[in-house]
Each structure stands twice: as structure tokens, then as C-alpha cells.
Amino acid sequence: MKLLFSFVCLFIAFESIEAKEFKENYAVKTKGITIGNLDWQLKLEKDSYTTVINLKSKGPLSLVYKFRGYYETSGIIKNDILVPEKYIQEWKTKNKQRNINLVFENNKIMDLKIQPEEKEFARINFLGLESHSDPLTSFLNIFLNNLDSKTIDGRRLYVLSPNKNNNYTKVLIKNYINIWADHNKNDLEYLEIFQNSDEKLPYKINIKFKGSIFTVKKP
């Protein structure tokens, strides 16, 4: 679920952006049932960016399963490419809480802190890896260059691979590696982005996760 909702920031098409700050609200549904509400903000400056997502449970299922997520990324812009410097993820349910902090420097992964701390040892040496981005930055860069984007979310490494066709983009998840476990099982299969040509932001995204489709859509 944490990884799932990280992908909601895939909503930006830079070619059409004129303003520097955007705020939107989305409903999150699965099988026609509302399960959450998402507020998203993006701020673009000449040479820097910040994006924030606030997610919380909503609807009848929230009586038995409450969740809240906060995601924030900031960094610099070089030659139209977003380069992250800091990524924060805070995820909380009734019985569980996890915070992730990633630090990047000179386009390299420099530090990772997870609370509660991981009890397992890292299966790969991820510190110092070049040209990797946090999930939110990767998704933003997809629509800037429509190129594969190497990603780290604190627990996994993977590549987001987009295929854009007019107002529709399908994103596959490739080269999936679990940092803290021996298996490389990937529950996230793909994402689909739908956008009207006269709108700056997509009106809908479908997420195939554990065999189910989750939809994030403007009301």
C-alpha cells in the first residue's frame, strides 16, 4: 500500500506547464469504493522544485482500515531534468508506522534512514549509486523526457519505463530489486495515465497492484 500511493505523483506533463505552483485534490478508489483522499502540491522555480503529497483514508473502509501518508521531495533542476536532494516518506496505520528519509548529493545516493530501523542487512550496496531518484522525482521526470527512470524508495530499487501514446501513458516497473530481502517479488505491475489534451494535469491514473486496479481521479 505504501509503494502503491507513492505513484500518485505521476500526474505532471511538463510540456504544458506554465504556472509555477499547482494544487489538486483526487479521490482514490478500488472496485468502485472510495478508500482515500489525496492532496497534491507542486512548486517549480527556475532552478529548484518541491512536491508534496498528503494522503488519508476516507469512506466506509476507513472504519476498519485507517491510513495516512505524507511524501515530500525537493531538489534542483539541471537542463530540464529534476535532480533530488531530499526525500521524506511518512506512513501510518492503526498498528504500524514507518518513516523513510533519503539524501542525495551530486546525483548520488548518500544516506538512507528508516524508522523503525531495518532488522535485516542490505542485500546490495546502494550508497553511492548514481543517477537514481526517489519515486516522486522519477515520476516527474518521466513526463519531462519520457525516458526510463532509475528509482529508489528506501526499500527497493526499480526502473520506471514509460510508453507514451498521445494522451495515454503506460508505465512498466522493471529490474525490481528488494534491498532488505532475498526475494524480488513485485506486487506493482504497471500504471496507466489518462490526460485530456486541453488540461495541464491528468484526470485519472490506474494502478495495477496485487491483481487489483486502484484509480486516482479528480472528483
C-alpha atoms as a PDB file:
ATOM      1  CA  MET A   1       0.000   0.000   0.000  1.00  0.00           C
ATOM      2  CA  LYS A   2       2.825   2.462   0.815  1.00  0.00           C
ATOM      3  CA  LEU A   3       4.511   1.866  -2.508  1.00  0.00           C
ATOM      4  CA  LEU A   4       1.167   1.996  -4.279  1.00  0.00           C
ATOM      5  CA  PHE A   5       0.337   5.505  -3.169  1.00  0.00           C
ATOM      6  CA  SER A   6       3.774   6.710  -3.832  1.00  0.00           C
ATOM      7  CA  PHE A   7       2.923   6.501  -7.575  1.00  0.00           C
ATOM      8  CA  VAL A   8       0.154   9.111  -7.492  1.00  0.00           C
ATOM      9  CA  CYS A   9       2.590  11.888  -8.304  1.00  0.00           C
ATOM     10  CA  LEU A  10       2.920  10.618 -11.884  1.00  0.00           C
ATOM     11  CA  PHE A  11       0.487  13.383 -12.862  1.00  0.00           C
ATOM     12  CA  ILE A  12       2.649  16.040 -14.459  1.00  0.00           C
ATOM     13  CA  ALA A  13       3.216  16.881 -18.126  1.00  0.00           C
ATOM     14  CA  PHE A  14       5.943  19.489 -18.169  1.00  0.00           C
ATOM     15  CA  GLU A  15       5.434  20.414 -21.789  1.00  0.00           C
ATOM     16  CA  SER A  16       2.170  22.145 -20.894  1.00  0.00           C
ATOM     17  CA  ILE A  17       3.086  23.709 -17.543  1.00  0.00           C
ATOM     18  CA  GLU A  18       3.087  27.497 -17.491  1.00  0.00           C
ATOM     19  CA  ALA A  19       2.468  28.415 -13.863  1.00  0.00           C
ATOM     20  CA  LYS A  20       4.957  27.643 -11.123  1.00  0.00           C
ATOM     21  CA  GLU A  21       2.676  26.315  -8.427  1.00  0.00           C
ATOM     22  CA  PHE A  22      -0.144  23.765  -8.608  1.00  0.00           C
ATOM     23  CA  LYS A  23      -2.590  22.304  -6.106  1.00  0.00           C
ATOM     24  CA  GLU A  24      -5.019  19.476  -6.822  1.00  0.00           C
ATOM     25  CA  ASN A  25      -7.299  17.076  -4.964  1.00  0.00           C
ATOM     26  CA  TYR A  26      -8.001  13.476  -6.012  1.00  0.00           C
ATOM     27  CA  ALA A  27     -10.228  10.633  -4.857  1.00  0.00           C
ATOM     28  CA  VAL A  28      -8.697   7.163  -4.530  1.00  0.00           C
ATOM     29  CA  LYS A  29     -10.965   4.216  -5.359  1.00  0.00           C
ATOM     30  CA  THR A  30     -10.840   0.485  -5.912  1.00  0.00           C
ATOM     31  CA  LYS A  31     -13.707  -1.661  -7.221  1.00  0.00           C
ATOM     32  CA  GLY A  32     -15.859   1.463  -7.222  1.00  0.00           C
ATOM     33  CA  ILE A  33     -15.380   2.083  -3.488  1.00  0.00           C
ATOM     34  CA  THR A  34     -13.717   5.260  -2.217  1.00  0.00           C
ATOM     35  CA  ILE A  35     -10.818   4.410   0.094  1.00  0.00           C
ATOM     36  CA  GLY A  36      -8.841   7.645   0.269  1.00  0.00           C
ATOM     37  CA  ASN A  37      -8.338  11.308  -0.485  1.00  0.00           C
ATOM     38  CA  LEU A  38      -5.149  12.785  -1.908  1.00  0.00           C
ATOM     39  CA  ASP A  39      -3.936  16.395  -1.877  1.00  0.00           C
ATOM     40  CA  TRP A  40      -1.014  17.169  -4.140  1.00  0.00           C
ATOM     41  CA  GLN A  41       1.140  20.279  -4.491  1.00  0.00           C
ATOM     42  CA  LEU A  42       3.962  21.109  -6.865  1.00  0.00           C
ATOM     43  CA  LYS A  43       6.166  24.184  -6.853  1.00  0.00           C
ATOM     44  CA  LEU A  44       8.606  24.868  -9.697  1.00  0.00           C
ATOM     45  CA  GLU A  45      11.229  27.579  -9.549  1.00  0.00           C
ATOM     46  CA  LYS A  46      13.841  28.494 -12.114  1.00  0.00           C
ATOM     47  CA  ASP A  47      16.389  26.033 -10.761  1.00  0.00           C
ATOM     48  CA  SER A  48      14.607  24.125  -7.973  1.00  0.00           C
ATOM     49  CA  TYR A  49      11.431  22.193  -7.218  1.00  0.00           C
ATOM     50  CA  THR A  50       9.361  20.902  -4.308  1.00  0.00           C
ATOM     51  CA  THR A  51       6.448  18.496  -4.408  1.00  0.00           C
ATOM     52  CA  VAL A  52       4.252  17.312  -1.523  1.00  0.00           C
ATOM     53  CA  ILE A  53       1.550  14.657  -1.264  1.00  0.00           C
ATOM     54  CA  ASN A  54      -0.851  14.249   1.647  1.00  0.00           C
ATOM     55  CA  LEU A  55      -2.887  11.057   1.645  1.00  0.00           C
ATOM     56  CA  LYS A  56      -5.519   9.856   4.119  1.00  0.00           C
ATOM     57  CA  SER A  57      -8.172   7.174   4.286  1.00  0.00           C
ATOM     58  CA  LYS A  58     -11.759   8.047   3.504  1.00  0.00           C
ATOM     59  CA  GLY A  59     -15.037   6.222   3.015  1.00  0.00           C
ATOM     60  CA  PRO A  60     -16.666   3.185   4.664  1.00  0.00           C
ATOM     61  CA  LEU A  61     -13.468   1.110   4.722  1.00  0.00           C
ATOM     62  CA  SER A  62     -11.741   3.754   6.840  1.00  0.00           C
ATOM     63  CA  LEU A  63     -13.781   2.471   9.793  1.00  0.00           C
ATOM     64  CA  VAL A  64     -11.698  -0.716   9.790  1.00  0.00           C
ATOM     65  CA  TYR A  65      -8.537   0.394   7.972  1.00  0.00           C
ATOM     66  CA  LYS A  66      -7.219   3.883   8.560  1.00  0.00           C
ATOM     67  CA  PHE A  67      -4.048   5.150   6.934  1.00  0.00           C
ATOM     68  CA  ARG A  68      -2.211   8.389   6.451  1.00  0.00           C
ATOM     69  CA  GLY A  69       0.733   9.140   4.201  1.00  0.00           C
ATOM     70  CA  TYR A  70       2.981  12.143   3.738  1.00  0.00           C
ATOM     71  CA  TYR A  71       5.527  12.396   0.922  1.00  0.00           C
ATOM     72  CA  GLU A  72       7.853  15.293   0.171  1.00  0.00           C
ATOM     73  CA  THR A  73      10.675  15.759  -2.313  1.00  0.00           C
ATOM     74  CA  SER A  74      12.907  18.727  -3.042  1.00  0.00           C
ATOM     75  CA  GLY A  75      15.859  19.238  -5.336  1.00  0.00           C
ATOM     76  CA  ILE A  76      17.382  21.194  -8.179  1.00  0.00           C
ATOM     77  CA  ILE A  77      16.678  21.442 -11.917  1.00  0.00           C
ATOM     78  CA  LYS A  78      19.556  20.981 -14.362  1.00  0.00           C
ATOM     79  CA  ASN A  79      18.973  21.122 -18.118  1.00  0.00           C
ATOM     80  CA  ASP A  80      15.227  20.491 -17.579  1.00  0.00           C
ATOM     81  CA  ILE A  81      15.972  17.373 -15.507  1.00  0.00           C
ATOM     82  CA  LEU A  82      14.905  17.202 -11.862  1.00  0.00           C
ATOM     83  CA  VAL A  83      17.703  16.042  -9.548  1.00  0.00           C
ATOM     84  CA  PRO A  84      16.619  15.171  -5.983  1.00  0.00           C
ATOM     85  CA  GLU A  85      18.365  16.289  -2.814  1.00  0.00           C
ATOM     86  CA  LYS A  86      15.925  15.103  -0.132  1.00  0.00           C
ATOM     87  CA  TYR A  87      13.008  12.695   0.072  1.00  0.00           C
ATOM     88  CA  ILE A  88      10.701  12.160   3.061  1.00  0.00           C
ATOM     89  CA  GLN A  89       8.057   9.469   3.441  1.00  0.00           C
ATOM     90  CA  GLU A  90       5.837   9.042   6.490  1.00  0.00           C
ATOM     91  CA  TRP A  91       3.310   6.207   6.536  1.00  0.00           C
ATOM     92  CA  LYS A  92       0.968   5.420   9.426  1.00  0.00           C
ATOM     93  CA  THR A  93      -1.837   2.956  10.080  1.00  0.00           C
ATOM     94  CA  LYS A  94      -3.528   1.898  13.297  1.00  0.00           C
ATOM     95  CA  ASN A  95      -0.883  -0.730  14.002  1.00  0.00           C
ATOM     96  CA  LYS A  96       2.148   0.398  12.046  1.00  0.00           C
ATOM     97  CA  GLN A  97       4.280   3.430  11.314  1.00  0.00           C
ATOM     98  CA  ARG A  98       7.339   3.828   9.091  1.00  0.00           C
ATOM     99  CA  ASN A  99       9.409   6.886   8.223  1.00  0.00           C
ATOM    100  CA  ILE A 100      11.938   6.981   5.398  1.00  0.00           C
ATOM    101  CA  ASN A 101      14.490   9.727   4.724  1.00  0.00           C
ATOM    102  CA  LEU A 102      16.724   9.723   1.660  1.00  0.00           C
ATOM    103  CA  VAL A 103      19.563  12.155   0.992  1.00  0.00           C
ATOM    104  CA  PHE A 104      21.150  12.698  -2.427  1.00  0.00           C
ATOM    105  CA  GLU A 105      24.277  14.669  -3.263  1.00  0.00           C
ATOM    106  CA  ASN A 106      25.830  15.282  -6.684  1.00  0.00           C
ATOM    107  CA  ASN A 107      23.277  12.894  -8.215  1.00  0.00           C
ATOM    108  CA  LYS A 108      24.321  10.065  -5.856  1.00  0.00           C
ATOM    109  CA  ILE A 109      22.532   8.268  -3.019  1.00  0.00           C
ATOM    110  CA  MET A 110      24.343   9.472   0.108  1.00  0.00           C
ATOM    111  CA  ASP A 111      22.189   8.441   3.085  1.00  0.00           C
ATOM    112  CA  LEU A 112      19.123   6.404   3.994  1.00  0.00           C
ATOM    113  CA  LYS A 113      17.391   6.329   7.365  1.00  0.00           C
ATOM    114  CA  ILE A 114      14.390   4.112   8.153  1.00  0.00           C
ATOM    115  CA  GLN A 115      12.398   4.188  11.371  1.00  0.00           C
ATOM    116  CA  PRO A 116      11.858   1.680  12.878  1.00  0.00           C
ATOM    117  CA  GLU A 117      15.303   0.508  11.770  1.00  0.00           C
ATOM    118  CA  GLU A 118      15.549  -2.482   9.463  1.00  0.00           C
ATOM    119  CA  LYS A 119      16.478  -5.708  11.261  1.00  0.00           C
ATOM    120  CA  GLU A 120      17.726  -7.287   8.045  1.00  0.00           C
ATOM    121  CA  PHE A 121      21.044  -6.473   6.370  1.00  0.00           C
ATOM    122  CA  ALA A 122      21.099  -4.768   2.989  1.00  0.00           C
ATOM    123  CA  ARG A 123      21.414  -7.257   0.126  1.00  0.00           C
ATOM    124  CA  ILE A 124      23.083  -4.675  -2.132  1.00  0.00           C
ATOM    125  CA  ASN A 125      25.369  -1.696  -1.611  1.00  0.00           C
ATOM    126  CA  PHE A 126      23.067   1.117  -2.671  1.00  0.00           C
ATOM    127  CA  LEU A 127      25.010   4.043  -1.170  1.00  0.00           C
ATOM    128  CA  GLY A 128      26.913   5.929  -3.852  1.00  0.00           C
ATOM    129  CA  LEU A 129      24.748   4.698  -6.712  1.00  0.00           C
ATOM    130  CA  GLU A 130      24.498   7.358  -9.397  1.00  0.00           C
ATOM    131  CA  SER A 131      21.541   8.677 -11.402  1.00  0.00           C
ATOM    132  CA  HIS A 132      18.857   7.273  -9.093  1.00  0.00           C
ATOM    133  CA  SER A 133      15.884   9.313  -7.941  1.00  0.00           C
ATOM    134  CA  ASP A 134      13.183   8.997  -5.318  1.00  0.00           C
ATOM    135  CA  PRO A 135       9.762   7.859  -6.642  1.00  0.00           C
ATOM    136  CA  LEU A 136       8.217  11.330  -6.900  1.00  0.00           C
ATOM    137  CA  THR A 137      11.153  12.814  -8.790  1.00  0.00           C
ATOM    138  CA  SER A 138      11.269   9.822 -11.125  1.00  0.00           C
ATOM    139  CA  PHE A 139       7.610  10.222 -11.986  1.00  0.00           C
ATOM    140  CA  LEU A 140       8.010  13.918 -12.672  1.00  0.00           C
ATOM    141  CA  ASN A 141      10.987  13.278 -14.929  1.00  0.00           C
ATOM    142  CA  ILE A 142       9.055  10.683 -16.913  1.00  0.00           C
ATOM    143  CA  PHE A 143       6.890  13.433 -18.353  1.00  0.00           C
ATOM    144  CA  LEU A 144       9.786  15.762 -18.888  1.00  0.00           C
ATOM    145  CA  ASN A 145      11.836  13.392 -21.053  1.00  0.00           C
ATOM    146  CA  ASN A 146       9.673  10.250 -21.489  1.00  0.00           C
ATOM    147  CA  LEU A 147      12.717   8.150 -20.582  1.00  0.00           C
ATOM    148  CA  ASP A 148      13.319   5.246 -18.216  1.00  0.00           C
ATOM    149  CA  SER A 149      13.997   6.451 -14.668  1.00  0.00           C
ATOM    150  CA  LYS A 150      16.059   4.537 -12.083  1.00  0.00           C
ATOM    151  CA  THR A 151      14.352   4.742  -8.698  1.00  0.00           C
ATOM    152  CA  ILE A 152      14.943   4.045  -5.001  1.00  0.00           C
ATOM    153  CA  ASP A 153      12.128   4.291  -2.445  1.00  0.00           C
ATOM    154  CA  GLY A 154      14.107   3.237   0.637  1.00  0.00           C
ATOM    155  CA  ARG A 155      13.190  -0.434   0.439  1.00  0.00           C
ATOM    156  CA  ARG A 156      13.503  -1.226  -3.241  1.00  0.00           C
ATOM    157  CA  LEU A 157      15.314  -0.361  -6.456  1.00  0.00           C
ATOM    158  CA  TYR A 158      13.491  -0.456  -9.792  1.00  0.00           C
ATOM    159  CA  VAL A 159      13.186   1.231 -13.171  1.00  0.00           C
ATOM    160  CA  LEU A 160      10.089   3.098 -14.314  1.00  0.00           C
ATOM    161  CA  SER A 161       9.720   2.583 -18.047  1.00  0.00           C
ATOM    162  CA  PRO A 162       7.099   4.766 -19.797  1.00  0.00           C
ATOM    163  CA  ASN A 163       5.443   4.294 -23.173  1.00  0.00           C
ATOM    164  CA  LYS A 164       3.518   7.407 -24.203  1.00  0.00           C
ATOM    165  CA  ASN A 165       0.882   7.457 -26.945  1.00  0.00           C
ATOM    166  CA  ASN A 166      -0.803  10.846 -27.353  1.00  0.00           C
ATOM    167  CA  ASN A 167      -2.818  11.437 -24.165  1.00  0.00           C
ATOM    168  CA  TYR A 168      -2.169   7.977 -22.724  1.00  0.00           C
ATOM    169  CA  THR A 169       0.970   6.757 -20.952  1.00  0.00           C
ATOM    170  CA  LYS A 170       1.643   3.263 -19.661  1.00  0.00           C
ATOM    171  CA  VAL A 171       4.478   2.831 -17.172  1.00  0.00           C
ATOM    172  CA  LEU A 172       6.025  -0.576 -16.505  1.00  0.00           C
ATOM    173  CA  ILE A 173       8.130  -1.421 -13.446  1.00  0.00           C
ATOM    174  CA  LYS A 174      11.348  -3.211 -14.431  1.00  0.00           C
ATOM    175  CA  ASN A 175      14.587  -4.511 -12.835  1.00  0.00           C
ATOM    176  CA  TYR A 176      12.944  -4.731  -9.412  1.00  0.00           C
ATOM    177  CA  ILE A 177      15.333  -5.412  -6.503  1.00  0.00           C
ATOM    178  CA  ASN A 178      14.371  -5.711  -2.840  1.00  0.00           C
ATOM    179  CA  ILE A 179      17.109  -4.122  -0.724  1.00  0.00           C
ATOM    180  CA  TRP A 180      16.224  -5.842   2.560  1.00  0.00           C
ATOM    181  CA  ALA A 181      15.042  -9.303   1.469  1.00  0.00           C
ATOM    182  CA  ASP A 182      16.247 -12.185  -0.686  1.00  0.00           C
ATOM    183  CA  HIS A 183      13.168 -12.240  -2.922  1.00  0.00           C
ATOM    184  CA  ASN A 184      12.465  -9.698  -5.659  1.00  0.00           C
ATOM    185  CA  LYS A 185       8.703 -10.110  -5.761  1.00  0.00           C
ATOM    186  CA  ASN A 186       6.984  -7.112  -7.302  1.00  0.00           C
ATOM    187  CA  ASP A 187       3.322  -6.587  -6.451  1.00  0.00           C
ATOM    188  CA  LEU A 188       3.091  -3.458  -8.599  1.00  0.00           C
ATOM    189  CA  GLU A 189       2.573  -4.408 -12.248  1.00  0.00           C
ATOM    190  CA  TYR A 190       2.009  -1.169 -14.133  1.00  0.00           C
ATOM    191  CA  LEU A 191       0.407   2.277 -14.173  1.00  0.00           C
ATOM    192  CA  GLU A 192      -1.838   3.946 -16.740  1.00  0.00           C
ATOM    193  CA  ILE A 193      -2.109   7.720 -17.082  1.00  0.00           C
ATOM    194  CA  PHE A 194      -5.029   9.417 -18.854  1.00  0.00           C
ATOM    195  CA  GLN A 195      -4.932  13.092 -19.760  1.00  0.00           C
ATOM    196  CA  ASN A 196      -7.171  15.414 -21.769  1.00  0.00           C
ATOM    197  CA  SER A 197      -5.304  17.471 -24.349  1.00  0.00           C
ATOM    198  CA  ASP A 198      -6.825  20.701 -23.020  1.00  0.00           C
ATOM    199  CA  GLU A 199      -5.823  20.041 -19.391  1.00  0.00           C
ATOM    200  CA  LYS A 200      -2.498  20.551 -17.691  1.00  0.00           C
ATOM    201  CA  LEU A 201      -2.919  17.637 -15.286  1.00  0.00           C
ATOM    202  CA  PRO A 202      -4.138  14.108 -15.977  1.00  0.00           C
ATOM    203  CA  TYR A 203      -7.675  13.446 -14.859  1.00  0.00           C
ATOM    204  CA  LYS A 204      -7.078   9.770 -13.988  1.00  0.00           C
ATOM    205  CA  ILE A 205      -4.416   7.193 -13.201  1.00  0.00           C
ATOM    206  CA  ASN A 206      -4.936   3.439 -12.910  1.00  0.00           C
ATOM    207  CA  ILE A 207      -2.574   1.398 -10.758  1.00  0.00           C
ATOM    208  CA  LYS A 208      -2.386  -2.409 -11.106  1.00  0.00           C
ATOM    209  CA  PHE A 209      -1.339  -3.668  -7.656  1.00  0.00           C
ATOM    210  CA  LYS A 210      -1.629  -7.235  -6.362  1.00  0.00           C
ATOM    211  CA  GLY A 211      -4.078  -8.061  -9.132  1.00  0.00           C
ATOM    212  CA  SER A 212      -6.444  -5.180  -8.340  1.00  0.00           C
ATOM    213  CA  ILE A 213      -6.919  -1.839 -10.068  1.00  0.00           C
ATOM    214  CA  PHE A 214      -6.692   1.292  -7.934  1.00  0.00           C
ATOM    215  CA  THR A 215      -7.899   4.534  -9.512  1.00  0.00           C
ATOM    216  CA  VAL A 216      -6.821   8.055  -8.582  1.00  0.00           C
ATOM    217  CA  LYS A 217      -9.143  10.554 -10.210  1.00  0.00           C
ATOM    218  CA  LYS A 218     -10.240  14.144  -9.947  1.00  0.00           C
ATOM    219  CA  PRO A 219     -13.758  14.410  -8.458  1.00  0.00           C
END
